[in-house]
């Protein structure tokens, strides 16, 4: 289920090579925290912890290539304390 007030989360490209774009569409301003976690639930890289405005916000992140192994991960999108998970694939 989507978090209240969070309309859509778009991630591209997916599979990800080194640059990750996240577009969120929210009904009201709020706090957004985005963290990449591995299949064991361990935090791999924290991308964002910021206040975002109502509407569409596009954020671009760069992966820590030397430290993160290729494979399957989840993006934990926390909007106003509610978590939503999106699957991402990291490729060489």
C-alpha atoms as a PDB file:
ATOM      1  CA  UNK A   1       0.000   0.000   0.000  1.00  0.00           C
ATOM      2  CA  UNK A   2       1.095   3.534  -0.702  1.00  0.00           C
ATOM      3  CA  UNK A   3       1.856   5.896   2.152  1.00  0.00           C
ATOM      4  CA  UNK A   4      -0.887   8.475   2.846  1.00  0.00           C
ATOM      5  CA  UNK A   5      -0.330  11.542   0.685  1.00  0.00           C
ATOM      6  CA  UNK A   6       2.234   9.777  -1.485  1.00  0.00           C
ATOM      7  CA  UNK A   7       0.782   9.367  -4.972  1.00  0.00           C
ATOM      8  CA  UNK A   8       3.612   7.833  -6.980  1.00  0.00           C
ATOM      9  CA  UNK A   9       7.270   6.874  -6.799  1.00  0.00           C
ATOM     10  CA  UNK A  10       9.132   6.503 -10.083  1.00  0.00           C
ATOM     11  CA  UNK A  11      12.684   5.139 -10.216  1.00  0.00           C
ATOM     12  CA  UNK A  12      14.819   5.225 -13.345  1.00  0.00           C
ATOM     13  CA  UNK A  13      16.859   3.806 -14.828  1.00  0.00           C
ATOM     14  CA  UNK A  14      16.191   0.395 -13.344  1.00  0.00           C
ATOM     15  CA  UNK A  15      18.479  -1.605 -13.564  1.00  0.00           C
ATOM     16  CA  UNK A  16      20.762   1.070 -12.105  1.00  0.00           C
ATOM     17  CA  UNK A  17      24.401   1.463 -13.116  1.00  0.00           C
ATOM     18  CA  UNK A  18      25.655   4.390 -11.024  1.00  0.00           C
ATOM     19  CA  UNK A  19      23.079   7.178 -11.226  1.00  0.00           C
ATOM     20  CA  UNK A  20      19.646   6.768  -9.676  1.00  0.00           C
ATOM     21  CA  UNK A  21      16.730   9.117 -10.326  1.00  0.00           C
ATOM     22  CA  UNK A  22      13.742   9.130  -8.002  1.00  0.00           C
ATOM     23  CA  UNK A  23      10.585  11.107  -8.738  1.00  0.00           C
ATOM     24  CA  UNK A  24       7.991  11.365  -5.993  1.00  0.00           C
ATOM     25  CA  UNK A  25       4.555  12.939  -6.286  1.00  0.00           C
ATOM     26  CA  UNK A  26       3.070  13.996  -2.963  1.00  0.00           C
ATOM     27  CA  UNK A  27      -0.191  15.692  -1.973  1.00  0.00           C
ATOM     28  CA  UNK A  28       1.394  17.930   0.663  1.00  0.00           C
ATOM     29  CA  UNK A  29       4.869  19.027   1.780  1.00  0.00           C
ATOM     30  CA  UNK A  30       6.637  16.567   4.034  1.00  0.00           C
ATOM     31  CA  UNK A  31       9.807  14.832   5.140  1.00  0.00           C
ATOM     32  CA  UNK A  32      11.353  12.388   2.695  1.00  0.00           C
ATOM     33  CA  UNK A  33      14.077   9.937   3.622  1.00  0.00           C
ATOM     34  CA  UNK A  34      15.459   7.524   1.028  1.00  0.00           C
ATOM     35  CA  UNK A  35      17.722   4.634   1.975  1.00  0.00           C
ATOM     36  CA  UNK A  36      19.049   1.700  -0.047  1.00  0.00           C
ATOM     37  CA  UNK A  37      18.883  -1.614   1.807  1.00  0.00           C
ATOM     38  CA  UNK A  38      20.127  -5.076   0.870  1.00  0.00           C
ATOM     39  CA  UNK A  39      18.122  -8.295   0.848  1.00  0.00           C
ATOM     40  CA  UNK A  40      19.047  -8.877   4.516  1.00  0.00           C
ATOM     41  CA  UNK A  41      17.480  -5.567   5.501  1.00  0.00           C
ATOM     42  CA  UNK A  42      20.831  -3.877   6.199  1.00  0.00           C
ATOM     43  CA  UNK A  43      21.260  -0.232   5.264  1.00  0.00           C
ATOM     44  CA  UNK A  44      23.771   0.120   2.416  1.00  0.00           C
ATOM     45  CA  UNK A  45      23.572   3.812   1.533  1.00  0.00           C
ATOM     46  CA  UNK A  46      21.441   6.707   2.751  1.00  0.00           C
ATOM     47  CA  UNK A  47      20.548   9.127  -0.014  1.00  0.00           C
ATOM     48  CA  UNK A  48      18.201  11.709   1.323  1.00  0.00           C
ATOM     49  CA  UNK A  49      16.637  13.212   4.407  1.00  0.00           C
ATOM     50  CA  UNK A  50      14.967  16.435   3.417  1.00  0.00           C
ATOM     51  CA  UNK A  51      11.748  18.358   3.300  1.00  0.00           C
ATOM     52  CA  UNK A  52      10.031  18.241  -0.083  1.00  0.00           C
ATOM     53  CA  UNK A  53       7.241  20.446  -1.483  1.00  0.00           C
ATOM     54  CA  UNK A  54       3.794  19.401  -2.687  1.00  0.00           C
ATOM     55  CA  UNK A  55       3.710  17.923  -6.189  1.00  0.00           C
ATOM     56  CA  UNK A  56       6.523  16.320  -8.176  1.00  0.00           C
ATOM     57  CA  UNK A  57      10.085  16.312  -6.870  1.00  0.00           C
ATOM     58  CA  UNK A  58      12.944  14.743  -8.821  1.00  0.00           C
ATOM     59  CA  UNK A  59      16.052  13.690  -6.918  1.00  0.00           C
ATOM     60  CA  UNK A  60      19.254  12.322  -8.420  1.00  0.00           C
ATOM     61  CA  UNK A  61      21.707  10.209  -6.437  1.00  0.00           C
ATOM     62  CA  UNK A  62      25.053   8.633  -7.214  1.00  0.00           C
ATOM     63  CA  UNK A  63      25.841   5.185  -5.902  1.00  0.00           C
ATOM     64  CA  UNK A  64      29.004   4.476  -3.979  1.00  0.00           C
ATOM     65  CA  UNK A  65      30.280   2.154  -6.717  1.00  0.00           C
ATOM     66  CA  UNK A  66      33.386   0.917  -4.968  1.00  0.00           C
ATOM     67  CA  UNK A  67      31.462  -0.221  -1.900  1.00  0.00           C
ATOM     68  CA  UNK A  68      28.200  -1.625  -3.211  1.00  0.00           C
ATOM     69  CA  UNK A  69      28.052  -5.049  -4.853  1.00  0.00           C
ATOM     70  CA  UNK A  70      25.932  -5.642  -7.913  1.00  0.00           C
ATOM     71  CA  UNK A  71      22.594  -7.336  -7.317  1.00  0.00           C
ATOM     72  CA  UNK A  72      19.098  -6.842  -5.959  1.00  0.00           C
ATOM     73  CA  UNK A  73      18.274  -4.131  -3.415  1.00  0.00           C
ATOM     74  CA  UNK A  74      15.303  -2.272  -2.027  1.00  0.00           C
ATOM     75  CA  UNK A  75      14.848   1.457  -1.898  1.00  0.00           C
ATOM     76  CA  UNK A  76      13.174   2.378   1.394  1.00  0.00           C
ATOM     77  CA  UNK A  77      11.187   5.548   0.719  1.00  0.00           C
ATOM     78  CA  UNK A  78      10.059   7.048   4.018  1.00  0.00           C
ATOM     79  CA  UNK A  79       7.545   9.866   3.571  1.00  0.00           C
ATOM     80  CA  UNK A  80       6.297  11.456   6.802  1.00  0.00           C
ATOM     81  CA  UNK A  81       7.125   8.308   8.775  1.00  0.00           C
ATOM     82  CA  UNK A  82       5.431   5.833   6.411  1.00  0.00           C
ATOM     83  CA  UNK A  83       7.646   3.383   4.539  1.00  0.00           C
ATOM     84  CA  UNK A  84       7.270   2.248   0.961  1.00  0.00           C
ATOM     85  CA  UNK A  85       9.681  -0.189  -0.676  1.00  0.00           C
ATOM     86  CA  UNK A  86      10.731  -0.368  -4.330  1.00  0.00           C
ATOM     87  CA  UNK A  87      12.958  -3.089  -5.784  1.00  0.00           C
ATOM     88  CA  UNK A  88      16.039  -1.958  -7.694  1.00  0.00           C
ATOM     89  CA  UNK A  89      18.701  -3.925  -9.546  1.00  0.00           C
ATOM     90  CA  UNK A  90      22.307  -2.786  -9.591  1.00  0.00           C
ATOM     91  CA  UNK A  91      24.241  -3.817 -12.709  1.00  0.00           C
ATOM     92  CA  UNK A  92      27.877  -3.380 -13.771  1.00  0.00           C
END
